[in-house]
Amino acid sequence: MIRSVQQGLLDDGIVVPMTKLCAWFGVPRRTVYYMPTKAAPKLDDRFVAPIKALIEEEPSFGYRTVAWLLGFNKNTV
């Protein structure tokens, strides 16, 4: 939201630093600059094929049932 306000002011020819905008709105700067990062899940090919085959065969199975039937740890599935 603050970035859109800053961009709108820039479009009107008014240059306002991010620090001032954050102070005016009472928003901490760290929340404006924060960019969440989430790593993509790591897939191991030797686990993917059997898990996928079992899920396609029985879609009602949950991850714990699939893990138990394949002899894997539930966190692996």
Protein backbone atom coordinates (compact mmCIF):
# COMPACT_ATOMS: atom_id res chain seq x y z
CA MET A 1 0.00 0.00 0.00
CA ILE A 2 2.75 2.46 0.94
CA ARG A 3 4.61 1.67 -2.28
CA SER A 4 1.49 2.49 -4.31
CA VAL A 5 1.12 5.80 -2.45
CA GLN A 6 4.76 6.59 -3.16
CA GLN A 7 4.31 5.69 -6.83
CA GLY A 8 1.19 7.87 -7.04
CA LEU A 9 3.08 10.80 -5.59
CA LEU A 10 5.96 10.19 -8.01
CA ASP A 11 3.48 10.23 -10.90
CA ASP A 12 2.31 13.65 -9.69
CA GLY A 13 5.91 14.84 -9.54
CA ILE A 14 6.22 14.79 -5.75
CA VAL A 15 9.23 12.95 -4.36
CA VAL A 16 8.68 11.66 -0.82
CA PRO A 17 11.15 9.25 0.80
CA MET A 18 9.88 5.93 2.06
CA THR A 19 10.99 6.81 5.59
CA LYS A 20 8.71 9.85 5.68
CA LEU A 21 5.75 7.94 4.26
CA CYS A 22 6.20 5.23 6.87
CA ALA A 23 6.38 7.84 9.63
CA TRP A 24 3.22 9.60 8.34
CA PHE A 25 1.22 6.37 8.24
CA GLY A 26 2.75 4.95 11.43
CA VAL A 27 4.02 1.84 9.67
CA PRO A 28 7.41 0.33 10.54
CA ARG A 29 9.81 0.43 7.59
CA ARG A 30 10.70 -3.22 7.98
CA THR A 31 7.14 -4.25 7.11
CA VAL A 32 7.31 -2.27 3.87
CA TYR A 33 10.65 -3.72 2.80
CA TYR A 34 9.89 -7.29 3.93
CA MET A 35 9.81 -9.80 1.06
CA PRO A 36 8.75 -13.29 2.12
CA THR A 37 10.79 -16.07 0.60
CA LYS A 38 9.71 -19.65 0.50
CA ALA A 39 11.94 -22.30 -0.90
CA ALA A 40 10.49 -24.68 -3.44
CA PRO A 41 9.95 -28.16 -2.05
CA LYS A 42 12.80 -30.55 -2.75
CA LEU A 43 11.53 -33.61 -4.61
CA ASP A 44 13.49 -36.84 -4.65
CA ASP A 45 12.77 -38.82 -7.82
CA ARG A 46 12.99 -42.20 -6.10
CA PHE A 47 10.08 -41.22 -3.81
CA VAL A 48 7.93 -39.31 -6.29
CA ALA A 49 6.98 -42.20 -8.59
CA PRO A 50 5.73 -44.69 -5.95
CA ILE A 51 3.88 -42.01 -3.98
CA LYS A 52 2.19 -40.65 -7.09
CA ALA A 53 1.22 -44.14 -8.28
CA LEU A 54 -0.34 -45.03 -4.92
CA ILE A 55 -2.26 -41.75 -4.70
CA GLU A 56 -3.62 -42.16 -8.23
CA GLU A 57 -4.67 -45.73 -7.41
CA GLU A 58 -6.40 -44.76 -4.15
CA PRO A 59 -7.03 -40.98 -3.97
CA SER A 60 -8.76 -41.29 -0.58
CA PHE A 61 -5.52 -42.25 1.18
CA GLY A 62 -3.93 -39.57 3.31
CA TYR A 63 -0.24 -38.88 3.59
CA ARG A 64 0.16 -41.03 6.70
CA THR A 65 -1.50 -44.03 5.07
CA VAL A 66 0.63 -43.62 1.95
CA ALA A 67 3.77 -43.37 4.07
CA TRP A 68 2.87 -46.49 6.07
CA LEU A 69 2.02 -48.55 2.97
CA LEU A 70 5.27 -47.61 1.25
CA GLY A 71 7.38 -47.92 4.39
CA PHE A 72 8.43 -44.26 4.34
CA ASN A 73 8.56 -41.72 7.11
CA LYS A 74 5.38 -39.57 7.12
CA ASN A 75 7.52 -36.45 6.77
CA THR A 76 8.92 -37.82 3.51
CA VAL A 77 5.47 -37.98 1.94
